[in-house]
PDB file of all heavy atoms in Angstrom:
ATOM      1  N   ALA A   1      61.403  22.067 -17.386  1.00  0.00           N
ATOM      2  CA  ALA A   1      60.038  22.002 -17.731  1.00  0.00           C
ATOM      3  C   ALA A   1      59.432  20.654 -17.307  1.00  0.00           C
ATOM      4  O   ALA A   1      58.255  20.614 -16.783  1.00  0.00           O
ATOM      5  CB  ALA A   1      59.814  22.135 -19.255  1.00  0.00           C
ATOM      6  N   ALA A   2      60.123  19.578 -17.523  1.00  0.00           N
ATOM      7  CA  ALA A   2      59.677  18.225 -17.102  1.00  0.00           C
ATOM      8  C   ALA A   2      59.416  18.149 -15.623  1.00  0.00           C
ATOM      9  O   ALA A   2      58.469  17.553 -15.215  1.00  0.00           O
ATOM     10  CB  ALA A   2      60.645  17.133 -17.689  1.00  0.00           C
ATOM     11  N   ALA A   3      60.393  18.729 -14.897  1.00  0.00           N
ATOM     12  CA  ALA A   3      60.255  18.668 -13.416  1.00  0.00           C
ATOM     13  C   ALA A   3      59.065  19.475 -12.960  1.00  0.00           C
ATOM     14  O   ALA A   3      58.309  18.960 -12.079  1.00  0.00           O
ATOM     15  CB  ALA A   3      61.543  19.215 -12.797  1.00  0.00           C
ATOM     16  N   LEU A   4      58.755  20.554 -13.547  1.00  0.00           N
ATOM     17  CA  LEU A   4      57.587  21.344 -13.228  1.00  0.00           C
ATOM     18  C   LEU A   4      56.320  20.667 -13.523  1.00  0.00           C
ATOM     19  O   LEU A   4      55.367  20.581 -12.742  1.00  0.00           O
ATOM     20  CB  LEU A   4      57.661  22.672 -13.909  1.00  0.00           C
ATOM     21  CG  LEU A   4      58.742  23.765 -13.394  1.00  0.00           C
ATOM     22  CD1 LEU A   4      58.806  24.916 -14.320  1.00  0.00           C
ATOM     23  CD2 LEU A   4      58.410  24.196 -12.017  1.00  0.00           C
ATOM     24  N   ILE A   5      56.276  20.054 -14.693  1.00  0.00           N
ATOM     25  CA  ILE A   5      55.088  19.423 -15.209  1.00  0.00           C
ATOM     26  C   ILE A   5      54.832  18.158 -14.389  1.00  0.00           C
ATOM     27  O   ILE A   5      53.704  17.845 -13.990  1.00  0.00           O
ATOM     28  CB  ILE A   5      55.151  19.100 -16.689  1.00  0.00           C
ATOM     29  CG1 ILE A   5      54.908  20.441 -17.551  1.00  0.00           C
ATOM     30  CG2 ILE A   5      54.202  17.998 -17.159  1.00  0.00           C
ATOM     31  CD1 ILE A   5      55.143  20.320 -18.939  1.00  0.00           C
ATOM     32  N   ASP A   6      55.850  17.404 -14.099  1.00  0.00           N
ATOM     33  CA  ASP A   6      55.720  16.135 -13.388  1.00  0.00           C
ATOM     34  C   ASP A   6      55.202  16.390 -11.937  1.00  0.00           C
ATOM     35  O   ASP A   6      54.606  15.483 -11.388  1.00  0.00           O
ATOM     36  CB  ASP A   6      57.061  15.362 -13.311  1.00  0.00           C
ATOM     37  CG  ASP A   6      57.389  14.787 -14.681  1.00  0.00           C
ATOM     38  OD1 ASP A   6      56.524  14.697 -15.543  1.00  0.00           O
ATOM     39  OD2 ASP A   6      58.536  14.447 -14.901  1.00  0.00           O
ATOM     40  N   ALA A   7      55.492  17.582 -11.438  1.00  0.00           N
ATOM     41  CA  ALA A   7      55.014  17.838 -10.114  1.00  0.00           C
ATOM     42  C   ALA A   7      53.573  18.345  -9.951  1.00  0.00           C
ATOM     43  O   ALA A   7      53.065  18.385  -8.910  1.00  0.00           O
ATOM     44  CB  ALA A   7      55.901  18.919  -9.467  1.00  0.00           C
ATOM     45  N   LEU A   8      52.981  18.652 -11.123  1.00  0.00           N
ATOM     46  CA  LEU A   8      51.572  19.078 -11.118  1.00  0.00           C
ATOM     47  C   LEU A   8      50.546  17.920 -11.001  1.00  0.00           C
ATOM     48  O   LEU A   8      50.729  16.972 -11.717  1.00  0.00           O
ATOM     49  CB  LEU A   8      51.300  19.892 -12.376  1.00  0.00           C
ATOM     50  CG  LEU A   8      51.956  21.288 -12.531  1.00  0.00           C
ATOM     51  CD1 LEU A   8      51.696  21.850 -13.889  1.00  0.00           C
ATOM     52  CD2 LEU A   8      51.438  22.218 -11.499  1.00  0.00           C
ATOM     53  N   PRO A   9      49.592  18.109 -10.284  1.00  0.00           N
ATOM     54  CA  PRO A   9      48.449  17.134 -10.256  1.00  0.00           C
ATOM     55  C   PRO A   9      47.639  17.215 -11.567  1.00  0.00           C
ATOM     56  O   PRO A   9      47.698  18.274 -12.170  1.00  0.00           O
ATOM     57  CB  PRO A   9      47.579  17.559  -9.035  1.00  0.00           C
ATOM     58  CG  PRO A   9      47.903  18.959  -8.801  1.00  0.00           C
ATOM     59  CD  PRO A   9      49.343  19.187  -9.240  1.00  0.00           C
ATOM     60  N   ASP A  10      46.942  16.175 -11.880  1.00  0.00           N
ATOM     61  CA  ASP A  10      46.285  16.128 -13.213  1.00  0.00           C
ATOM     62  C   ASP A  10      45.271  17.310 -13.322  1.00  0.00           C
ATOM     63  O   ASP A  10      45.086  17.845 -14.399  1.00  0.00           O
ATOM     64  CB  ASP A  10      45.531  14.811 -13.309  1.00  0.00           C
ATOM     65  CG  ASP A  10      46.479  13.669 -13.685  1.00  0.00           C
ATOM     66  OD1 ASP A  10      47.613  13.948 -13.859  1.00  0.00           O
ATOM     67  OD2 ASP A  10      46.023  12.464 -13.679  1.00  0.00           O
ATOM     68  N   GLU A  11      44.584  17.671 -12.203  1.00  0.00           N
ATOM     69  CA  GLU A  11      43.596  18.706 -12.348  1.00  0.00           C
ATOM     70  C   GLU A  11      44.216  20.051 -12.703  1.00  0.00           C
ATOM     71  O   GLU A  11      43.559  20.878 -13.358  1.00  0.00           O
ATOM     72  CB  GLU A  11      42.750  18.804 -11.032  1.00  0.00           C
ATOM     73  CG  GLU A  11      43.559  19.015  -9.790  1.00  0.00           C
ATOM     74  CD  GLU A  11      43.888  17.695  -9.075  1.00  0.00           C
ATOM     75  OE1 GLU A  11      44.081  16.632  -9.765  1.00  0.00           O
ATOM     76  OE2 GLU A  11      44.089  17.775  -7.826  1.00  0.00           O
ATOM     77  N   ASP A  12      45.356  20.395 -12.271  1.00  0.00           N
ATOM     78  CA  ASP A  12      46.077  21.635 -12.643  1.00  0.00           C
ATOM     79  C   ASP A  12      46.606  21.481 -14.027  1.00  0.00           C
ATOM     80  O   ASP A  12      46.539  22.471 -14.798  1.00  0.00           O
ATOM     81  CB  ASP A  12      47.180  21.937 -11.640  1.00  0.00           C
ATOM     82  CG  ASP A  12      46.698  22.335 -10.279  1.00  0.00           C
ATOM     83  OD1 ASP A  12      45.534  22.668 -10.173  1.00  0.00           O
ATOM     84  OD2 ASP A  12      47.501  22.254  -9.298  1.00  0.00           O
ATOM     85  N   LEU A  13      47.166  20.319 -14.354  1.00  0.00           N
ATOM     86  CA  LEU A  13      47.770  20.160 -15.668  1.00  0.00           C
ATOM     87  C   LEU A  13      46.679  20.187 -16.764  1.00  0.00           C
ATOM     88  O   LEU A  13      47.030  20.632 -17.952  1.00  0.00           O
ATOM     89  CB  LEU A  13      48.458  18.787 -15.702  1.00  0.00           C
ATOM     90  CG  LEU A  13      49.384  18.559 -16.959  1.00  0.00           C
ATOM     91  CD1 LEU A  13      50.578  19.467 -16.856  1.00  0.00           C
ATOM     92  CD2 LEU A  13      49.883  17.111 -17.003  1.00  0.00           C
ATOM     93  N   ALA A  14      45.500  19.827 -16.449  1.00  0.00           N
ATOM     94  CA  ALA A  14      44.424  19.854 -17.430  1.00  0.00           C
ATOM     95  C   ALA A  14      44.133  21.199 -18.036  1.00  0.00           C
ATOM     96  O   ALA A  14      43.628  21.310 -19.135  1.00  0.00           O
ATOM     97  CB  ALA A  14      43.091  19.307 -16.784  1.00  0.00           C
ATOM     98  N   ARG A  15      44.542  22.236 -17.262  1.00  0.00           N
ATOM     99  CA  ARG A  15      44.285  23.616 -17.690  1.00  0.00           C
ATOM    100  C   ARG A  15      45.356  24.103 -18.818  1.00  0.00           C
ATOM    101  O   ARG A  15      45.133  25.048 -19.560  1.00  0.00           O
ATOM    102  CB  ARG A  15      44.310  24.610 -16.550  1.00  0.00           C
ATOM    103  CG  ARG A  15      43.173  24.400 -15.611  1.00  0.00           C
ATOM    104  CD  ARG A  15      42.889  25.603 -14.778  1.00  0.00           C
ATOM    105  NE  ARG A  15      44.017  25.806 -13.806  1.00  0.00           N
ATOM    106  CZ  ARG A  15      44.017  25.293 -12.566  1.00  0.00           C
ATOM    107  NH1 ARG A  15      43.013  24.574 -12.167  1.00  0.00           N
ATOM    108  NH2 ARG A  15      45.040  25.569 -11.721  1.00  0.00           N
ATOM    109  N   ARG A  16      46.442  23.311 -18.912  1.00  0.00           N
ATOM    110  CA  ARG A  16      47.487  23.653 -19.853  1.00  0.00           C
ATOM    111  C   ARG A  16      48.165  22.424 -20.452  1.00  0.00           C
ATOM    112  O   ARG A  16      49.385  22.246 -20.445  1.00  0.00           O
ATOM    113  CB  ARG A  16      48.582  24.548 -19.187  1.00  0.00           C
ATOM    114  CG  ARG A  16      48.245  25.953 -18.911  1.00  0.00           C
ATOM    115  CD  ARG A  16      47.808  26.724 -20.156  1.00  0.00           C
ATOM    116  NE  ARG A  16      48.882  26.646 -21.166  1.00  0.00           N
ATOM    117  CZ  ARG A  16      49.844  27.556 -21.227  1.00  0.00           C
ATOM    118  NH1 ARG A  16      49.894  28.523 -20.385  1.00  0.00           N
ATOM    119  NH2 ARG A  16      50.727  27.491 -22.212  1.00  0.00           N
ATOM    120  N   LEU A  17      47.275  21.600 -21.075  1.00  0.00           N
ATOM    121  CA  LEU A  17      47.830  20.354 -21.645  1.00  0.00           C
ATOM    122  C   LEU A  17      48.730  20.680 -22.846  1.00  0.00           C
ATOM    123  O   LEU A  17      49.571  19.917 -23.251  1.00  0.00           O
ATOM    124  CB  LEU A  17      46.664  19.452 -22.160  1.00  0.00           C
ATOM    125  CG  LEU A  17      45.999  18.627 -21.040  1.00  0.00           C
ATOM    126  CD1 LEU A  17      44.958  17.786 -21.701  1.00  0.00           C
ATOM    127  CD2 LEU A  17      47.057  17.720 -20.465  1.00  0.00           C
ATOM    128  N   ASP A  18      48.524  21.870 -23.517  1.00  0.00           N
ATOM    129  CA  ASP A  18      49.405  22.233 -24.643  1.00  0.00           C
ATOM    130  C   ASP A  18      50.868  22.314 -24.117  1.00  0.00           C
ATOM    131  O   ASP A  18      51.773  21.994 -24.982  1.00  0.00           O
ATOM    132  CB  ASP A  18      49.017  23.589 -25.154  1.00  0.00           C
ATOM    133  CG  ASP A  18      49.039  24.703 -24.139  1.00  0.00           C
ATOM    134  OD1 ASP A  18      48.438  24.509 -23.034  1.00  0.00           O
ATOM    135  OD2 ASP A  18      49.546  25.776 -24.472  1.00  0.00           O
ATOM    136  N   ALA A  19      51.091  22.649 -22.932  1.00  0.00           N
ATOM    137  CA  ALA A  19      52.565  22.686 -22.418  1.00  0.00           C
ATOM    138  C   ALA A  19      53.129  21.265 -22.407  1.00  0.00           C
ATOM    139  O   ALA A  19      54.279  21.128 -22.827  1.00  0.00           O
ATOM    140  CB  ALA A  19      52.595  23.253 -20.999  1.00  0.00           C
ATOM    141  N   VAL A  20      52.368  20.252 -22.075  1.00  0.00           N
ATOM    142  CA  VAL A  20      52.888  18.890 -22.086  1.00  0.00           C
ATOM    143  C   VAL A  20      53.065  18.369 -23.529  1.00  0.00           C
ATOM    144  O   VAL A  20      54.019  17.665 -23.799  1.00  0.00           O
ATOM    145  CB  VAL A  20      51.969  17.899 -21.293  1.00  0.00           C
ATOM    146  CG1 VAL A  20      52.729  16.652 -20.943  1.00  0.00           C
ATOM    147  CG2 VAL A  20      51.377  18.647 -20.062  1.00  0.00           C
ATOM    148  N   VAL A  21      52.138  18.833 -24.367  1.00  0.00           N
ATOM    149  CA  VAL A  21      52.317  18.359 -25.862  1.00  0.00           C
ATOM    150  C   VAL A  21      53.556  19.038 -26.409  1.00  0.00           C
ATOM    151  O   VAL A  21      54.425  18.323 -27.053  1.00  0.00           O
ATOM    152  CB  VAL A  21      51.134  19.026 -26.620  1.00  0.00           C
ATOM    153  CG1 VAL A  21      51.334  18.795 -28.149  1.00  0.00           C
ATOM    154  CG2 VAL A  21      49.731  18.345 -26.185  1.00  0.00           C
ATOM    155  N   ASP A  22      53.943  20.284 -26.031  1.00  0.00           N
ATOM    156  CA  ASP A  22      55.162  20.897 -26.540  1.00  0.00           C
ATOM    157  C   ASP A  22      56.370  20.193 -25.887  1.00  0.00           C
ATOM    158  O   ASP A  22      57.372  19.985 -26.628  1.00  0.00           O
ATOM    159  CB  ASP A  22      55.172  22.420 -26.131  1.00  0.00           C
ATOM    160  CG  ASP A  22      54.145  23.186 -26.992  1.00  0.00           C
ATOM    161  OD1 ASP A  22      53.686  22.621 -28.023  1.00  0.00           O
ATOM    162  OD2 ASP A  22      53.871  24.246 -26.610  1.00  0.00           O
ATOM    163  N   LEU A  23      56.283  19.865 -24.602  1.00  0.00           N
ATOM    164  CA  LEU A  23      57.399  19.165 -23.959  1.00  0.00           C
ATOM    165  C   LEU A  23      57.697  17.848 -24.615  1.00  0.00           C
ATOM    166  O   LEU A  23      58.849  17.497 -24.888  1.00  0.00           O
ATOM    167  CB  LEU A  23      57.136  18.983 -22.470  1.00  0.00           C
ATOM    168  CG  LEU A  23      58.073  18.222 -21.719  1.00  0.00           C
ATOM    169  CD1 LEU A  23      59.447  18.907 -21.677  1.00  0.00           C
ATOM    170  CD2 LEU A  23      57.607  17.992 -20.283  1.00  0.00           C
ATOM    171  N   ALA A  24      56.664  17.083 -24.857  1.00  0.00           N
ATOM    172  CA  ALA A  24      56.841  15.675 -25.427  1.00  0.00           C
ATOM    173  C   ALA A  24      57.442  15.852 -26.841  1.00  0.00           C
ATOM    174  O   ALA A  24      58.322  15.062 -27.239  1.00  0.00           O
ATOM    175  CB  ALA A  24      55.528  14.955 -25.511  1.00  0.00           C
ATOM    176  N   GLY A  25      56.898  16.787 -27.559  1.00  0.00           N
ATOM    177  CA  GLY A  25      57.493  17.066 -28.871  1.00  0.00           C
ATOM    178  C   GLY A  25      59.024  17.444 -28.899  1.00  0.00           C
ATOM    179  O   GLY A  25      59.796  16.981 -29.711  1.00  0.00           O
ATOM    180  N   ALA A  26      59.340  18.293 -27.945  1.00  0.00           N
ATOM    181  CA  ALA A  26      60.767  18.633 -27.771  1.00  0.00           C
ATOM    182  C   ALA A  26      61.624  17.495 -27.361  1.00  0.00           C
ATOM    183  O   ALA A  26      62.732  17.330 -27.837  1.00  0.00           O
ATOM    184  CB  ALA A  26      60.896  19.754 -26.709  1.00  0.00           C
ATOM    185  N   GLU A  27      61.053  16.655 -26.469  1.00  0.00           N
ATOM    186  CA  GLU A  27      61.813  15.453 -26.088  1.00  0.00           C
ATOM    187  C   GLU A  27      62.168  14.487 -27.182  1.00  0.00           C
ATOM    188  O   GLU A  27      63.239  13.875 -27.164  1.00  0.00           O
ATOM    189  CB  GLU A  27      61.084  14.810 -24.870  1.00  0.00           C
ATOM    190  CG  GLU A  27      61.193  15.608 -23.559  1.00  0.00           C
ATOM    191  CD  GLU A  27      60.210  15.137 -22.479  1.00  0.00           C
ATOM    192  OE1 GLU A  27      59.168  14.567 -22.854  1.00  0.00           O
ATOM    193  OE2 GLU A  27      60.505  15.332 -21.334  1.00  0.00           O
ATOM    194  N   ILE A  28      61.206  14.389 -28.124  1.00  0.00           N
ATOM    195  CA  ILE A  28      61.449  13.531 -29.289  1.00  0.00           C
ATOM    196  C   ILE A  28      62.774  13.950 -30.032  1.00  0.00           C
ATOM    197  O   ILE A  28      63.525  13.152 -30.591  1.00  0.00           O
ATOM    198  CB  ILE A  28      60.281  13.589 -30.215  1.00  0.00           C
ATOM    199  CG1 ILE A  28      59.086  12.765 -29.680  1.00  0.00           C
ATOM    200  CG2 ILE A  28      60.608  13.108 -31.635  1.00  0.00           C
ATOM    201  CD1 ILE A  28      59.318  11.279 -29.790  1.00  0.00           C
ATOM    202  N   TYR A  29      62.965  15.267 -30.106  1.00  0.00           N
ATOM    203  CA  TYR A  29      64.090  15.836 -30.767  1.00  0.00           C
ATOM    204  C   TYR A  29      65.388  15.840 -29.969  1.00  0.00           C
ATOM    205  O   TYR A  29      66.438  16.194 -30.488  1.00  0.00           O
ATOM    206  CB  TYR A  29      63.811  17.265 -31.168  1.00  0.00           C
ATOM    207  CG  TYR A  29      62.856  17.387 -32.403  1.00  0.00           C
ATOM    208  CD1 TYR A  29      61.497  17.341 -32.135  1.00  0.00           C
ATOM    209  CD2 TYR A  29      63.297  17.558 -33.674  1.00  0.00           C
ATOM    210  CE1 TYR A  29      60.605  17.396 -33.247  1.00  0.00           C
ATOM    211  CE2 TYR A  29      62.443  17.623 -34.729  1.00  0.00           C
ATOM    212  CZ  TYR A  29      61.109  17.587 -34.463  1.00  0.00           C
ATOM    213  OH  TYR A  29      60.259  17.620 -35.597  1.00  0.00           O
ATOM    214  N   LEU A  30      65.317  15.375 -28.692  1.00  0.00           N
ATOM    215  CA  LEU A  30      66.467  15.493 -27.833  1.00  0.00           C
ATOM    216  C   LEU A  30      66.897  14.135 -27.266  1.00  0.00           C
ATOM    217  O   LEU A  30      67.443  14.013 -26.188  1.00  0.00           O
ATOM    218  CB  LEU A  30      66.165  16.407 -26.652  1.00  0.00           C
ATOM    219  CG  LEU A  30      66.049  17.857 -27.129  1.00  0.00           C
ATOM    220  CD1 LEU A  30      65.514  18.700 -25.909  1.00  0.00           C
ATOM    221  CD2 LEU A  30      67.341  18.403 -27.584  1.00  0.00           C
ATOM    222  N   ASP A  31      66.533  13.035 -28.040  1.00  0.00           N
ATOM    223  CA  ASP A  31      66.914  11.587 -27.679  1.00  0.00           C
ATOM    224  C   ASP A  31      66.266  11.212 -26.269  1.00  0.00           C
ATOM    225  O   ASP A  31      66.717  10.232 -25.664  1.00  0.00           O
ATOM    226  CB  ASP A  31      68.420  11.553 -27.452  1.00  0.00           C
ATOM    227  CG  ASP A  31      69.177  11.532 -28.754  1.00  0.00           C
ATOM    228  OD1 ASP A  31      68.541  11.548 -29.834  1.00  0.00           O
ATOM    229  OD2 ASP A  31      70.398  11.499 -28.748  1.00  0.00           O
ATOM    230  N   ARG A  32      65.189  11.855 -25.939  1.00  0.00           N
ATOM    231  CA  ARG A  32      64.521  11.470 -24.621  1.00  0.00           C
ATOM    232  C   ARG A  32      63.180  10.766 -24.955  1.00  0.00           C
ATOM    233  O   ARG A  32      62.169  11.273 -24.650  1.00  0.00           O
ATOM    234  CB  ARG A  32      64.286  12.789 -23.824  1.00  0.00           C
ATOM    235  CG  ARG A  32      65.582  13.466 -23.484  1.00  0.00           C
ATOM    236  CD  ARG A  32      65.395  14.739 -22.607  1.00  0.00           C
ATOM    237  NE  ARG A  32      66.667  15.376 -22.369  1.00  0.00           N
ATOM    238  CZ  ARG A  32      66.818  16.233 -21.354  1.00  0.00           C
ATOM    239  NH1 ARG A  32      65.910  16.457 -20.433  1.00  0.00           N
ATOM    240  NH2 ARG A  32      68.001  16.883 -21.172  1.00  0.00           N
ATOM    241  N   PHE A  33      63.305   9.611 -25.568  1.00  0.00           N
ATOM    242  CA  PHE A  33      62.141   8.876 -26.059  1.00  0.00           C
ATOM    243  C   PHE A  33      61.362   8.330 -24.884  1.00  0.00           C
ATOM    244  O   PHE A  33      60.064   8.381 -25.042  1.00  0.00           O
ATOM    245  CB  PHE A  33      62.604   7.766 -26.919  1.00  0.00           C
ATOM    246  CG  PHE A  33      63.475   8.272 -28.090  1.00  0.00           C
ATOM    247  CD1 PHE A  33      64.801   7.924 -28.130  1.00  0.00           C
ATOM    248  CD2 PHE A  33      62.943   9.207 -29.011  1.00  0.00           C
ATOM    249  CE1 PHE A  33      65.645   8.417 -29.114  1.00  0.00           C
ATOM    250  CE2 PHE A  33      63.810   9.674 -30.053  1.00  0.00           C
ATOM    251  CZ  PHE A  33      65.069   9.306 -30.080  1.00  0.00           C
ATOM    252  N   GLU A  34      61.859   7.868 -23.862  1.00  0.00           N
ATOM    253  CA  GLU A  34      61.069   7.356 -22.749  1.00  0.00           C
ATOM    254  C   GLU A  34      60.276   8.427 -22.116  1.00  0.00           C
ATOM    255  O   GLU A  34      59.118   8.309 -21.767  1.00  0.00           O
ATOM    256  CB  GLU A  34      61.966   6.651 -21.701  1.00  0.00           C
ATOM    257  CG  GLU A  34      61.201   6.057 -20.562  1.00  0.00           C
ATOM    258  CD  GLU A  34      62.130   5.325 -19.537  1.00  0.00           C
ATOM    259  OE1 GLU A  34      63.304   5.144 -19.840  1.00  0.00           O
ATOM    260  OE2 GLU A  34      61.603   5.036 -18.475  1.00  0.00           O
ATOM    261  N   ASP A  35      60.897   9.634 -21.871  1.00  0.00           N
ATOM    262  CA  ASP A  35      60.278  10.778 -21.320  1.00  0.00           C
ATOM    263  C   ASP A  35      59.171  11.292 -22.277  1.00  0.00           C
ATOM    264  O   ASP A  35      58.097  11.617 -21.778  1.00  0.00           O
ATOM    265  CB  ASP A  35      61.241  11.970 -20.956  1.00  0.00           C
ATOM    266  CG  ASP A  35      62.185  11.590 -19.846  1.00  0.00           C
ATOM    267  OD1 ASP A  35      61.850  10.675 -19.057  1.00  0.00           O
ATOM    268  OD2 ASP A  35      63.238  12.202 -19.755  1.00  0.00           O
ATOM    269  N   ALA A  36      59.434  11.329 -23.578  1.00  0.00           N
ATOM    270  CA  ALA A  36      58.409  11.829 -24.493  1.00  0.00           C
ATOM    271  C   ALA A  36      57.176  10.914 -24.470  1.00  0.00           C
ATOM    272  O   ALA A  36      56.077  11.326 -24.494  1.00  0.00           O
ATOM    273  CB  ALA A  36      59.014  11.794 -25.912  1.00  0.00           C
ATOM    274  N   GLY A  37      57.454   9.534 -24.457  1.00  0.00           N
ATOM    275  CA  GLY A  37      56.274   8.662 -24.336  1.00  0.00           C
ATOM    276  C   GLY A  37      55.537   8.814 -23.053  1.00  0.00           C
ATOM    277  O   GLY A  37      54.276   8.809 -23.139  1.00  0.00           O
ATOM    278  N   ARG A  38      56.186   8.986 -21.976  1.00  0.00           N
ATOM    279  CA  ARG A  38      55.516   9.117 -20.664  1.00  0.00           C
ATOM    280  C   ARG A  38      54.675  10.407 -20.653  1.00  0.00           C
ATOM    281  O   ARG A  38      53.474  10.361 -20.205  1.00  0.00           O
ATOM    282  CB  ARG A  38      56.587   9.214 -19.541  1.00  0.00           C
ATOM    283  CG  ARG A  38      56.010   9.391 -18.222  1.00  0.00           C
ATOM    284  CD  ARG A  38      57.046   9.167 -17.119  1.00  0.00           C
ATOM    285  NE  ARG A  38      58.254   9.982 -17.392  1.00  0.00           N
ATOM    286  CZ  ARG A  38      58.416  11.250 -16.975  1.00  0.00           C
ATOM    287  NH1 ARG A  38      57.467  11.833 -16.276  1.00  0.00           N
ATOM    288  NH2 ARG A  38      59.546  11.860 -17.150  1.00  0.00           N
TER     289      ARG A  38
END
């Protein structure tokens, strides 16, 4: 999921920001704090 999201330009990502919110939340639970913050 991170690879897909990181490859998207901001204008495309803006249509599904909820996906990034879910990803960051999942990363908090998986010891991926730097990625979650980013």
